[in-house]
Amino acid sequence: MSSSISRPLTTDIDPFLPAWGLPTSHERMVKRANSTMDEIQAFYDAMMPRLEEIIEYLNQFPIAEIPEADQPLANAALAMCEVDNAVNKWKSPTLESGIDIRRMPEKAHLYDSPRS
């Protein structure tokens, strides 16, 4: 019998969940692109020390069965994928490639077009 892992205490990161715990990758990407580096860094600095503990807790659930109350926490953990390059590589909310990522259409499928 496996024992369940208790939800980590998140009072230190709870203030970030409404802004960063967005349900889609597109919304998280737009959030990053529209944020200042100070906002991104503050979120990163709050989440990073807790990320392993948060992921360990969330991993006890199949992804489709993460409790509704934990969805913002799960989405904030996913947002760390969005902000990692901004913090550790680019030192900017976006990669200055000349492409405005906020104008990219949101994908409905993993592939550009649905496979039959």
PDB file of N, CA and C in Angstrom:
ATOM      1  N   MET A   1       0.853  -1.171   0.000  1.00  0.00           N
ATOM      2  CA  MET A   1       0.000   0.000   0.000  1.00  0.00           C
ATOM      3  C   MET A   1       0.900   1.235   0.000  1.00  0.00           C
ATOM      4  N   SER A   2       0.637   2.142  -0.882  1.00  0.00           N
ATOM      5  CA  SER A   2       1.432   3.371  -0.924  1.00  0.00           C
ATOM      6  C   SER A   2       0.753   4.445  -0.087  1.00  0.00           C
ATOM      7  N   SER A   3       1.590   5.259   0.525  1.00  0.00           N
ATOM      8  CA  SER A   3       1.022   6.343   1.332  1.00  0.00           C
ATOM      9  C   SER A   3       0.982   7.610   0.492  1.00  0.00           C
ATOM     10  N   SER A   4      -0.022   8.405   0.748  1.00  0.00           N
ATOM     11  CA  SER A   4      -0.143   9.636  -0.020  1.00  0.00           C
ATOM     12  C   SER A   4       0.783  10.694   0.563  1.00  0.00           C
ATOM     13  N   ILE A   5       1.209  11.586  -0.301  1.00  0.00           N
ATOM     14  CA  ILE A   5       2.083  12.687   0.078  1.00  0.00           C
ATOM     15  C   ILE A   5       1.196  13.888   0.367  1.00  0.00           C
ATOM     16  N   SER A   6       1.415  14.518   1.493  1.00  0.00           N
ATOM     17  CA  SER A   6       0.614  15.690   1.866  1.00  0.00           C
ATOM     18  C   SER A   6       0.944  16.870   0.964  1.00  0.00           C
ATOM     19  N   ARG A   7      -0.069  17.690   0.736  1.00  0.00           N
ATOM     20  CA  ARG A   7       0.126  18.894  -0.074  1.00  0.00           C
ATOM     21  C   ARG A   7       1.113  19.809   0.633  1.00  0.00           C
ATOM     22  N   PRO A   8       2.119  20.286  -0.092  1.00  0.00           N
ATOM     23  CA  PRO A   8       3.073  21.193   0.543  1.00  0.00           C
ATOM     24  C   PRO A   8       2.398  22.492   0.984  1.00  0.00           C
ATOM     25  N   LEU A   9       2.913  23.062   2.040  1.00  0.00           N
ATOM     26  CA  LEU A   9       2.456  24.373   2.477  1.00  0.00           C
ATOM     27  C   LEU A   9       2.915  25.382   1.423  1.00  0.00           C
ATOM     28  N   THR A  10       1.976  26.153   0.874  1.00  0.00           N
ATOM     29  CA  THR A  10       2.308  27.035  -0.256  1.00  0.00           C
ATOM     30  C   THR A  10       1.989  28.500   0.010  1.00  0.00           C
ATOM     31  N   THR A  11       1.897  28.891   1.269  1.00  0.00           N
ATOM     32  CA  THR A  11       1.521  30.281   1.558  1.00  0.00           C
ATOM     33  C   THR A  11       2.486  31.280   0.929  1.00  0.00           C
ATOM     34  N   ASP A  12       3.747  30.888   0.757  1.00  0.00           N
ATOM     35  CA  ASP A  12       4.723  31.788   0.151  1.00  0.00           C
ATOM     36  C   ASP A  12       4.536  31.943  -1.356  1.00  0.00           C
ATOM     37  N   ILE A  13       3.958  30.946  -2.003  1.00  0.00           N
ATOM     38  CA  ILE A  13       3.758  31.041  -3.457  1.00  0.00           C
ATOM     39  C   ILE A  13       2.303  31.273  -3.849  1.00  0.00           C
ATOM     40  N   ASP A  14       1.390  31.143  -2.903  1.00  0.00           N
ATOM     41  CA  ASP A  14      -0.027  31.367  -3.210  1.00  0.00           C
ATOM     42  C   ASP A  14      -0.296  32.704  -3.896  1.00  0.00           C
ATOM     43  N   PRO A  15       0.384  33.796  -3.524  1.00  0.00           N
ATOM     44  CA  PRO A  15       0.110  35.066  -4.216  1.00  0.00           C
ATOM     45  C   PRO A  15       0.428  35.032  -5.717  1.00  0.00           C
ATOM     46  N   PHE A  16       1.283  34.111  -6.151  1.00  0.00           N
ATOM     47  CA  PHE A  16       1.654  34.018  -7.565  1.00  0.00           C
ATOM     48  C   PHE A  16       0.683  33.154  -8.378  1.00  0.00           C
ATOM     49  N   LEU A  17      -0.105  32.329  -7.709  1.00  0.00           N
ATOM     50  CA  LEU A  17      -0.932  31.350  -8.427  1.00  0.00           C
ATOM     51  C   LEU A  17      -1.992  31.966  -9.335  1.00  0.00           C
ATOM     52  N   PRO A  18      -2.691  33.026  -8.939  1.00  0.00           N
ATOM     53  CA  PRO A  18      -3.674  33.590  -9.878  1.00  0.00           C
ATOM     54  C   PRO A  18      -3.037  34.099 -11.179  1.00  0.00           C
ATOM     55  N   ALA A  19      -1.868  34.688 -11.080  1.00  0.00           N
ATOM     56  CA  ALA A  19      -1.221  35.262 -12.265  1.00  0.00           C
ATOM     57  C   ALA A  19      -0.495  34.218 -13.106  1.00  0.00           C
ATOM     58  N   TRP A  20       0.131  33.239 -12.456  1.00  0.00           N
ATOM     59  CA  TRP A  20       0.984  32.294 -13.174  1.00  0.00           C
ATOM     60  C   TRP A  20       0.384  30.897 -13.303  1.00  0.00           C
ATOM     61  N   GLY A  21      -0.642  30.570 -12.558  1.00  0.00           N
ATOM     62  CA  GLY A  21      -1.245  29.239 -12.611  1.00  0.00           C
ATOM     63  C   GLY A  21      -2.303  29.140 -13.696  1.00  0.00           C
ATOM     64  N   LEU A  22      -1.951  29.574 -14.881  1.00  0.00           N
ATOM     65  CA  LEU A  22      -2.899  29.643 -16.003  1.00  0.00           C
ATOM     66  C   LEU A  22      -3.061  28.272 -16.652  1.00  0.00           C
ATOM     67  N   PRO A  23      -4.265  27.965 -17.150  1.00  0.00           N
ATOM     68  CA  PRO A  23      -4.568  26.603 -17.573  1.00  0.00           C
ATOM     69  C   PRO A  23      -3.968  26.139 -18.900  1.00  0.00           C
ATOM     70  N   THR A  24      -3.553  27.044 -19.783  1.00  0.00           N
ATOM     71  CA  THR A  24      -3.019  26.578 -21.067  1.00  0.00           C
ATOM     72  C   THR A  24      -1.598  27.080 -21.278  1.00  0.00           C
ATOM     73  N   SER A  25      -0.843  26.336 -22.072  1.00  0.00           N
ATOM     74  CA  SER A  25       0.532  26.747 -22.374  1.00  0.00           C
ATOM     75  C   SER A  25       0.542  28.078 -23.108  1.00  0.00           C
ATOM     76  N   HIS A  26      -0.463  28.309 -23.944  1.00  0.00           N
ATOM     77  CA  HIS A  26      -0.543  29.581 -24.667  1.00  0.00           C
ATOM     78  C   HIS A  26      -0.722  30.744 -23.691  1.00  0.00           C
ATOM     79  N   GLU A  27      -1.615  30.590 -22.723  1.00  0.00           N
ATOM     80  CA  GLU A  27      -1.818  31.653 -21.724  1.00  0.00           C
ATOM     81  C   GLU A  27      -0.551  31.886 -20.898  1.00  0.00           C
ATOM     82  N   ARG A  28       0.153  30.815 -20.565  1.00  0.00           N
ATOM     83  CA  ARG A  28       1.395  30.958 -19.794  1.00  0.00           C
ATOM     84  C   ARG A  28       2.476  31.641 -20.622  1.00  0.00           C
ATOM     85  N   MET A  29       2.548  31.330 -21.913  1.00  0.00           N
ATOM     86  CA  MET A  29       3.519  31.973 -22.792  1.00  0.00           C
ATOM     87  C   MET A  29       3.225  33.465 -22.914  1.00  0.00           C
ATOM     88  N   VAL A  30       1.954  33.822 -23.097  1.00  0.00           N
ATOM     89  CA  VAL A  30       1.562  35.232 -23.199  1.00  0.00           C
ATOM     90  C   VAL A  30       1.856  35.950 -21.883  1.00  0.00           C
ATOM     91  N   LYS A  31       1.602  35.288 -20.755  1.00  0.00           N
ATOM     92  CA  LYS A  31       1.906  35.883 -19.451  1.00  0.00           C
ATOM     93  C   LYS A  31       3.390  36.216 -19.353  1.00  0.00           C
ATOM     94  N   ARG A  32       4.243  35.271 -19.741  1.00  0.00           N
ATOM     95  CA  ARG A  32       5.683  35.518 -19.714  1.00  0.00           C
ATOM     96  C   ARG A  32       6.053  36.676 -20.622  1.00  0.00           C
ATOM     97  N   ALA A  33       5.531  36.672 -21.832  1.00  0.00           N
ATOM     98  CA  ALA A  33       5.872  37.707 -22.807  1.00  0.00           C
ATOM     99  C   ALA A  33       5.420  39.090 -22.356  1.00  0.00           C
ATOM    100  N   ASN A  34       4.332  39.160 -21.612  1.00  0.00           N
ATOM    101  CA  ASN A  34       3.792  40.451 -21.158  1.00  0.00           C
ATOM    102  C   ASN A  34       4.315  40.879 -19.787  1.00  0.00           C
ATOM    103  N   SER A  35       5.148  40.068 -19.176  1.00  0.00           N
ATOM    104  CA  SER A  35       5.662  40.366 -17.837  1.00  0.00           C
ATOM    105  C   SER A  35       7.021  41.045 -17.920  1.00  0.00           C
ATOM    106  N   THR A  36       7.351  41.770 -16.872  1.00  0.00           N
ATOM    107  CA  THR A  36       8.693  42.343 -16.766  1.00  0.00           C
ATOM    108  C   THR A  36       9.633  41.267 -16.233  1.00  0.00           C
ATOM    109  N   MET A  37      10.920  41.468 -16.405  1.00  0.00           N
ATOM    110  CA  MET A  37      11.878  40.520 -15.847  1.00  0.00           C
ATOM    111  C   MET A  37      11.799  40.493 -14.328  1.00  0.00           C
ATOM    112  N   ASP A  38      11.490  41.624 -13.708  1.00  0.00           N
ATOM    113  CA  ASP A  38      11.332  41.638 -12.249  1.00  0.00           C
ATOM    114  C   ASP A  38      10.181  40.728 -11.817  1.00  0.00           C
ATOM    115  N   GLU A  39       9.063  40.757 -12.550  1.00  0.00           N
ATOM    116  CA  GLU A  39       7.916  39.894 -12.234  1.00  0.00           C
ATOM    117  C   GLU A  39       8.267  38.426 -12.456  1.00  0.00           C
ATOM    118  N   ILE A  40       8.926  38.153 -13.567  1.00  0.00           N
ATOM    119  CA  ILE A  40       9.329  36.781 -13.882  1.00  0.00           C
ATOM    120  C   ILE A  40      10.308  36.270 -12.832  1.00  0.00           C
ATOM    121  N   GLN A  41      11.287  37.086 -12.488  1.00  0.00           N
ATOM    122  CA  GLN A  41      12.302  36.682 -11.513  1.00  0.00           C
ATOM    123  C   GLN A  41      11.684  36.431 -10.142  1.00  0.00           C
ATOM    124  N   ALA A  42      10.746  37.266  -9.734  1.00  0.00           N
ATOM    125  CA  ALA A  42      10.085  37.081  -8.431  1.00  0.00           C
ATOM    126  C   ALA A  42       9.331  35.749  -8.395  1.00  0.00           C
ATOM    127  N   PHE A  43       8.610  35.430  -9.470  1.00  0.00           N
ATOM    128  CA  PHE A  43       7.900  34.150  -9.560  1.00  0.00           C
ATOM    129  C   PHE A  43       8.898  32.991  -9.522  1.00  0.00           C
ATOM    130  N   TYR A  44       9.931  33.077 -10.333  1.00  0.00           N
ATOM    131  CA  TYR A  44      10.956  32.034 -10.400  1.00  0.00           C
ATOM    132  C   TYR A  44      11.602  31.817  -9.030  1.00  0.00           C
ATOM    133  N   ASP A  45      11.982  32.909  -8.379  1.00  0.00           N
ATOM    134  CA  ASP A  45      12.651  32.818  -7.078  1.00  0.00           C
ATOM    135  C   ASP A  45      11.749  32.219  -6.002  1.00  0.00           C
ATOM    136  N   ALA A  46      10.461  32.465  -6.089  1.00  0.00           N
ATOM    137  CA  ALA A  46       9.523  31.882  -5.124  1.00  0.00           C
ATOM    138  C   ALA A  46       9.299  30.394  -5.393  1.00  0.00           C
ATOM    139  N   MET A  47       9.180  30.023  -6.657  1.00  0.00           N
ATOM    140  CA  MET A  47       8.844  28.644  -7.019  1.00  0.00           C
ATOM    141  C   MET A  47      10.037  27.695  -6.999  1.00  0.00           C
ATOM    142  N   MET A  48      11.185  28.150  -7.436  1.00  0.00           N
ATOM    143  CA  MET A  48      12.315  27.243  -7.659  1.00  0.00           C
ATOM    144  C   MET A  48      12.695  26.424  -6.423  1.00  0.00           C
ATOM    145  N   PRO A  49      12.810  27.028  -5.248  1.00  0.00           N
ATOM    146  CA  PRO A  49      13.186  26.212  -4.088  1.00  0.00           C
ATOM    147  C   PRO A  49      12.124  25.183  -3.699  1.00  0.00           C
ATOM    148  N   ARG A  50      10.914  25.356  -4.157  1.00  0.00           N
ATOM    149  CA  ARG A  50       9.789  24.496  -3.773  1.00  0.00           C
ATOM    150  C   ARG A  50       9.405  23.512  -4.875  1.00  0.00           C
ATOM    151  N   LEU A  51       9.989  23.675  -6.064  1.00  0.00           N
ATOM    152  CA  LEU A  51       9.517  22.946  -7.243  1.00  0.00           C
ATOM    153  C   LEU A  51       9.615  21.430  -7.083  1.00  0.00           C
ATOM    154  N   GLU A  52      10.710  20.934  -6.573  1.00  0.00           N
ATOM    155  CA  GLU A  52      10.858  19.484  -6.414  1.00  0.00           C
ATOM    156  C   GLU A  52       9.774  18.919  -5.497  1.00  0.00           C
ATOM    157  N   GLU A  53       9.525  19.594  -4.394  1.00  0.00           N
ATOM    158  CA  GLU A  53       8.496  19.173  -3.436  1.00  0.00           C
ATOM    159  C   GLU A  53       7.100  19.224  -4.070  1.00  0.00           C
ATOM    160  N   ILE A  54       6.842  20.260  -4.848  1.00  0.00           N
ATOM    161  CA  ILE A  54       5.545  20.412  -5.518  1.00  0.00           C
ATOM    162  C   ILE A  54       5.343  19.304  -6.545  1.00  0.00           C
ATOM    163  N   ILE A  55       6.374  19.047  -7.346  1.00  0.00           N
ATOM    164  CA  ILE A  55       6.268  18.003  -8.375  1.00  0.00           C
ATOM    165  C   ILE A  55       6.110  16.629  -7.729  1.00  0.00           C
ATOM    166  N   GLU A  56       6.845  16.372  -6.658  1.00  0.00           N
ATOM    167  CA  GLU A  56       6.701  15.096  -5.948  1.00  0.00           C
ATOM    168  C   GLU A  56       5.257  14.907  -5.475  1.00  0.00           C
ATOM    169  N   TYR A  57       4.666  15.965  -4.935  1.00  0.00           N
ATOM    170  CA  TYR A  57       3.271  15.894  -4.494  1.00  0.00           C
ATOM    171  C   TYR A  57       2.339  15.638  -5.677  1.00  0.00           C
ATOM    172  N   LEU A  58       2.501  16.409  -6.752  1.00  0.00           N
ATOM    173  CA  LEU A  58       1.598  16.286  -7.901  1.00  0.00           C
ATOM    174  C   LEU A  58       1.754  14.955  -8.625  1.00  0.00           C
ATOM    175  N   ASN A  59       2.946  14.378  -8.599  1.00  0.00           N
ATOM    176  CA  ASN A  59       3.197  13.115  -9.297  1.00  0.00           C
ATOM    177  C   ASN A  59       2.430  11.932  -8.724  1.00  0.00           C
ATOM    178  N   GLN A  60       1.844  12.084  -7.563  1.00  0.00           N
ATOM    179  CA  GLN A  60       1.066  10.970  -7.012  1.00  0.00           C
ATOM    180  C   GLN A  60      -0.297  10.826  -7.697  1.00  0.00           C
ATOM    181  N   PHE A  61      -0.654  11.814  -8.527  1.00  0.00           N
ATOM    182  CA  PHE A  61      -1.933  11.789  -9.234  1.00  0.00           C
ATOM    183  C   PHE A  61      -1.711  11.575 -10.728  1.00  0.00           C
ATOM    184  N   PRO A  62      -2.558  10.769 -11.385  1.00  0.00           N
ATOM    185  CA  PRO A  62      -2.561  10.806 -12.847  1.00  0.00           C
ATOM    186  C   PRO A  62      -2.910  12.240 -13.276  1.00  0.00           C
ATOM    187  N   ILE A  63      -2.339  12.705 -14.354  1.00  0.00           N
ATOM    188  CA  ILE A  63      -2.506  14.112 -14.735  1.00  0.00           C
ATOM    189  C   ILE A  63      -3.969  14.514 -14.861  1.00  0.00           C
ATOM    190  N   ALA A  64      -4.800  13.611 -15.351  1.00  0.00           N
ATOM    191  CA  ALA A  64      -6.223  13.933 -15.507  1.00  0.00           C
ATOM    192  C   ALA A  64      -6.972  13.921 -14.176  1.00  0.00           C
ATOM    193  N   GLU A  65      -6.313  13.483 -13.117  1.00  0.00           N
ATOM    194  CA  GLU A  65      -6.968  13.380 -11.814  1.00  0.00           C
ATOM    195  C   GLU A  65      -6.356  14.297 -10.755  1.00  0.00           C
ATOM    196  N   ILE A  66      -5.562  15.276 -11.186  1.00  0.00           N
ATOM    197  CA  ILE A  66      -5.046  16.249 -10.223  1.00  0.00           C
ATOM    198  C   ILE A  66      -6.254  16.974  -9.646  1.00  0.00           C
ATOM    199  N   PRO A  67      -6.363  17.043  -8.327  1.00  0.00           N
ATOM    200  CA  PRO A  67      -7.531  17.696  -7.725  1.00  0.00           C
ATOM    201  C   PRO A  67      -7.703  19.132  -8.229  1.00  0.00           C
ATOM    202  N   GLU A  68      -8.950  19.519  -8.423  1.00  0.00           N
ATOM    203  CA  GLU A  68      -9.253  20.857  -8.938  1.00  0.00           C
ATOM    204  C   GLU A  68      -8.576  21.948  -8.112  1.00  0.00           C
ATOM    205  N   ALA A  69      -8.548  21.781  -6.816  1.00  0.00           N
ATOM    206  CA  ALA A  69      -7.921  22.791  -5.947  1.00  0.00           C
ATOM    207  C   ALA A  69      -6.418  22.907  -6.193  1.00  0.00           C
ATOM    208  N   ASP A  70      -5.808  21.852  -6.754  1.00  0.00           N
ATOM    209  CA  ASP A  70      -4.370  21.857  -7.023  1.00  0.00           C
ATOM    210  C   ASP A  70      -4.023  22.240  -8.460  1.00  0.00           C
ATOM    211  N   GLN A  71      -5.030  22.457  -9.303  1.00  0.00           N
ATOM    212  CA  GLN A  71      -4.753  22.809 -10.693  1.00  0.00           C
ATOM    213  C   GLN A  71      -3.902  24.074 -10.828  1.00  0.00           C
ATOM    214  N   PRO A  72      -4.211  25.165 -10.112  1.00  0.00           N
ATOM    215  CA  PRO A  72      -3.347  26.344 -10.236  1.00  0.00           C
ATOM    216  C   PRO A  72      -1.898  26.057  -9.832  1.00  0.00           C
ATOM    217  N   LEU A  73      -1.703  25.228  -8.829  1.00  0.00           N
ATOM    218  CA  LEU A  73      -0.355  24.851  -8.412  1.00  0.00           C
ATOM    219  C   LEU A  73       0.341  24.055  -9.519  1.00  0.00           C
ATOM    220  N   ALA A  74      -0.377  23.107 -10.110  1.00  0.00           N
ATOM    221  CA  ALA A  74       0.176  22.322 -11.216  1.00  0.00           C
ATOM    222  C   ALA A  74       0.502  23.221 -12.402  1.00  0.00           C
ATOM    223  N   ASN A  75      -0.390  24.149 -12.705  1.00  0.00           N
ATOM    224  CA  ASN A  75      -0.159  25.056 -13.832  1.00  0.00           C
ATOM    225  C   ASN A  75       1.003  26.001 -13.558  1.00  0.00           C
ATOM    226  N   ALA A  76       1.163  26.423 -12.314  1.00  0.00           N
ATOM    227  CA  ALA A  76       2.307  27.273 -11.959  1.00  0.00           C
ATOM    228  C   ALA A  76       3.613  26.491 -12.112  1.00  0.00           C
ATOM    229  N   ALA A  77       3.588  25.202 -11.768  1.00  0.00           N
ATOM    230  CA  ALA A  77       4.775  24.368 -11.981  1.00  0.00           C
ATOM    231  C   ALA A  77       5.096  24.287 -13.471  1.00  0.00           C
ATOM    232  N   LEU A  78       4.069  24.154 -14.300  1.00  0.00           N
ATOM    233  CA  LEU A  78       4.284  24.158 -15.749  1.00  0.00           C
ATOM    234  C   LEU A  78       4.790  25.511 -16.235  1.00  0.00           C
ATOM    235  N   ALA A  79       4.355  26.581 -15.597  1.00  0.00           N
ATOM    236  CA  ALA A  79       4.819  27.921 -15.977  1.00  0.00           C
ATOM    237  C   ALA A  79       6.317  28.068 -15.754  1.00  0.00           C
ATOM    238  N   MET A  80       6.869  27.277 -14.857  1.00  0.00           N
ATOM    239  CA  MET A  80       8.320  27.324 -14.659  1.00  0.00           C
ATOM    240  C   MET A  80       9.055  26.920 -15.933  1.00  0.00           C
ATOM    241  N   CYS A  81       8.450  26.054 -16.745  1.00  0.00           N
ATOM    242  CA  CYS A  81       9.040  25.715 -18.047  1.00  0.00           C
ATOM    243  C   CYS A  81       9.053  26.937 -18.956  1.00  0.00           C
ATOM    244  N   GLU A  82       8.021  27.758 -18.844  1.00  0.00           N
ATOM    245  CA  GLU A  82       7.931  28.975 -19.660  1.00  0.00           C
ATOM    246  C   GLU A  82       8.954  30.026 -19.247  1.00  0.00           C
ATOM    247  N   VAL A  83       9.249  30.134 -17.966  1.00  0.00           N
ATOM    248  CA  VAL A  83      10.115  31.221 -17.504  1.00  0.00           C
ATOM    249  C   VAL A  83      11.581  30.818 -17.381  1.00  0.00           C
ATOM    250  N   ASP A  84      11.885  29.536 -17.428  1.00  0.00           N
ATOM    251  CA  ASP A  84      13.263  29.106 -17.206  1.00  0.00           C
ATOM    252  C   ASP A  84      14.241  29.739 -18.197  1.00  0.00           C
ATOM    253  N   ASN A  85      13.955  29.678 -19.481  1.00  0.00           N
ATOM    254  CA  ASN A  85      14.861  30.289 -20.462  1.00  0.00           C
ATOM    255  C   ASN A  85      14.937  31.796 -20.289  1.00  0.00           C
ATOM    256  N   ALA A  86      13.824  32.422 -19.971  1.00  0.00           N
ATOM    257  CA  ALA A  86      13.826  33.874 -19.767  1.00  0.00           C
ATOM    258  C   ALA A  86      14.784  34.252 -18.643  1.00  0.00           C
ATOM    259  N   VAL A  87      14.798  33.471 -17.584  1.00  0.00           N
ATOM    260  CA  VAL A  87      15.649  33.765 -16.425  1.00  0.00           C
ATOM    261  C   VAL A  87      17.093  33.324 -16.662  1.00  0.00           C
ATOM    262  N   ASN A  88      17.275  32.116 -17.158  1.00  0.00           N
ATOM    263  CA  ASN A  88      18.613  31.523 -17.187  1.00  0.00           C
ATOM    264  C   ASN A  88      19.376  31.680 -18.496  1.00  0.00           C
ATOM    265  N   LYS A  89      18.691  31.985 -19.592  1.00  0.00           N
ATOM    266  CA  LYS A  89      19.381  32.113 -20.879  1.00  0.00           C
ATOM    267  C   LYS A  89      19.241  33.502 -21.476  1.00  0.00           C
ATOM    268  N   TRP A  90      17.999  33.916 -21.689  1.00  0.00           N
ATOM    269  CA  TRP A  90      17.753  35.126 -22.460  1.00  0.00           C
ATOM    270  C   TRP A  90      17.925  36.399 -21.657  1.00  0.00           C
ATOM    271  N   LYS A  91      17.654  36.332 -20.348  1.00  0.00           N
ATOM    272  CA  LYS A  91      17.642  37.523 -19.477  1.00  0.00           C
ATOM    273  C   LYS A  91      16.643  38.548 -20.000  1.00  0.00           C
ATOM    274  N   SER A  92      15.583  38.025 -20.597  1.00  0.00           N
ATOM    275  CA  SER A  92      14.534  38.837 -21.216  1.00  0.00           C
ATOM    276  C   SER A  92      13.259  37.998 -21.253  1.00  0.00           C
ATOM    277  N   PRO A  93      12.082  38.631 -21.189  1.00  0.00           N
ATOM    278  CA  PRO A  93      10.835  37.856 -21.249  1.00  0.00           C
ATOM    279  C   PRO A  93      10.665  37.069 -22.546  1.00  0.00           C
ATOM    280  N   THR A  94      11.259  37.556 -23.618  1.00  0.00           N
ATOM    281  CA  THR A  94      11.144  36.866 -24.905  1.00  0.00           C
ATOM    282  C   THR A  94      12.506  36.797 -25.571  1.00  0.00           C
ATOM    283  N   LEU A  95      12.661  35.863 -26.464  1.00  0.00           N
ATOM    284  CA  LEU A  95      13.852  35.767 -27.290  1.00  0.00           C
ATOM    285  C   LEU A  95      13.679  36.780 -28.406  1.00  0.00           C
ATOM    286  N   GLU A  96      14.587  37.693 -28.505  1.00  0.00           N
ATOM    287  CA  GLU A  96      14.457  38.781 -29.487  1.00  0.00           C
ATOM    288  C   GLU A  96      14.767  38.275 -30.891  1.00  0.00           C
ATOM    289  N   SER A  97      13.812  37.577 -31.480  1.00  0.00           N
ATOM    290  CA  SER A  97      13.982  37.000 -32.812  1.00  0.00           C
ATOM    291  C   SER A  97      13.251  37.790 -33.886  1.00  0.00           C
ATOM    292  N   GLY A  98      12.531  38.819 -33.466  1.00  0.00           N
ATOM    293  CA  GLY A  98      11.744  39.588 -34.419  1.00  0.00           C
ATOM    294  C   GLY A  98      10.334  39.061 -34.574  1.00  0.00           C
ATOM    295  N   ILE A  99      10.039  37.925 -33.973  1.00  0.00           N
ATOM    296  CA  ILE A  99       8.705  37.331 -34.044  1.00  0.00           C
ATOM    297  C   ILE A  99       7.976  37.657 -32.747  1.00  0.00           C
ATOM    298  N   ASP A 100       6.810  38.255 -32.861  1.00  0.00           N
ATOM    299  CA  ASP A 100       6.004  38.546 -31.672  1.00  0.00           C
ATOM    300  C   ASP A 100       5.216  37.288 -31.324  1.00  0.00           C
ATOM    301  N   ILE A 101       5.682  36.568 -30.320  1.00  0.00           N
ATOM    302  CA  ILE A 101       5.051  35.289 -29.979  1.00  0.00           C
ATOM    303  C   ILE A 101       3.620  35.449 -29.509  1.00  0.00           C
ATOM    304  N   ARG A 102       3.266  36.651 -29.067  1.00  0.00           N
ATOM    305  CA  ARG A 102       1.886  36.881 -28.620  1.00  0.00           C
ATOM    306  C   ARG A 102       0.904  36.816 -29.785  1.00  0.00           C
ATOM    307  N   ARG A 103       1.405  36.938 -31.010  1.00  0.00           N
ATOM    308  CA  ARG A 103       0.528  36.901 -32.186  1.00  0.00           C
ATOM    309  C   ARG A 103       0.409  35.503 -32.772  1.00  0.00           C
ATOM    310  N   MET A 104       1.126  34.549 -32.220  1.00  0.00           N
ATOM    311  CA  MET A 104       1.051  33.180 -32.728  1.00  0.00           C
ATOM    312  C   MET A 104      -0.315  32.595 -32.383  1.00  0.00           C
ATOM    313  N   PRO A 105      -0.926  31.901 -33.319  1.00  0.00           N
ATOM    314  CA  PRO A 105      -2.233  31.299 -33.015  1.00  0.00           C
ATOM    315  C   PRO A 105      -2.080  30.178 -31.990  1.00  0.00           C
ATOM    316  N   GLU A 106      -3.081  30.063 -31.161  1.00  0.00           N
ATOM    317  CA  GLU A 106      -3.087  28.995 -30.169  1.00  0.00           C
ATOM    318  C   GLU A 106      -3.372  27.682 -30.872  1.00  0.00           C
ATOM    319  N   LYS A 107      -2.576  26.672 -30.577  1.00  0.00           N
ATOM    320  CA  LYS A 107      -2.759  25.366 -31.199  1.00  0.00           C
ATOM    321  C   LYS A 107      -3.805  24.569 -30.433  1.00  0.00           C
ATOM    322  N   ALA A 108      -4.629  23.873 -31.165  1.00  0.00           N
ATOM    323  CA  ALA A 108      -5.635  23.015 -30.545  1.00  0.00           C
ATOM    324  C   ALA A 108      -5.126  21.581 -30.416  1.00  0.00           C
ATOM    325  N   HIS A 109      -4.075  21.251 -31.165  1.00  0.00           N
ATOM    326  CA  HIS A 109      -3.531  19.901 -31.188  1.00  0.00           C
ATOM    327  C   HIS A 109      -2.015  19.976 -31.088  1.00  0.00           C
ATOM    328  N   LEU A 110      -1.401  18.866 -30.763  1.00  0.00           N
ATOM    329  CA  LEU A 110       0.046  18.800 -30.690  1.00  0.00           C
ATOM    330  C   LEU A 110       0.657  19.128 -32.050  1.00  0.00           C
ATOM    331  N   TYR A 111       0.018  18.674 -33.101  1.00  0.00           N
ATOM    332  CA  TYR A 111       0.505  18.919 -34.451  1.00  0.00           C
ATOM    333  C   TYR A 111      -0.185  20.145 -35.019  1.00  0.00           C
ATOM    334  N   ASP A 112       0.396  20.736 -36.078  1.00  0.00           N
ATOM    335  CA  ASP A 112      -0.196  21.927 -36.687  1.00  0.00           C
ATOM    336  C   ASP A 112      -1.599  21.666 -37.194  1.00  0.00           C
ATOM    337  N   SER A 113      -1.847  20.478 -37.671  1.00  0.00           N
ATOM    338  CA  SER A 113      -3.199  20.126 -38.101  1.00  0.00           C
ATOM    339  C   SER A 113      -3.523  18.747 -37.526  1.00  0.00           C
ATOM    340  N   PRO A 114      -4.794  18.512 -37.257  1.00  0.00           N
ATOM    341  CA  PRO A 114      -5.172  17.216 -36.680  1.00  0.00           C
ATOM    342  C   PRO A 114      -4.817  16.072 -37.619  1.00  0.00           C
ATOM    343  N   ARG A 115      -4.350  14.982 -37.046  1.00  0.00           N
ATOM    344  CA  ARG A 115      -4.073  13.786 -37.857  1.00  0.00           C
ATOM    345  C   ARG A 115      -5.354  12.981 -37.974  1.00  0.00           C
ATOM    346  N   SER A 116      -5.551  12.396 -39.154  1.00  0.00           N
ATOM    347  CA  SER A 116      -6.757  11.580 -39.313  1.00  0.00           C
ATOM    348  C   SER A 116      -6.503  10.153 -38.948  1.00  0.00           C
TER     349      SER A 116
END
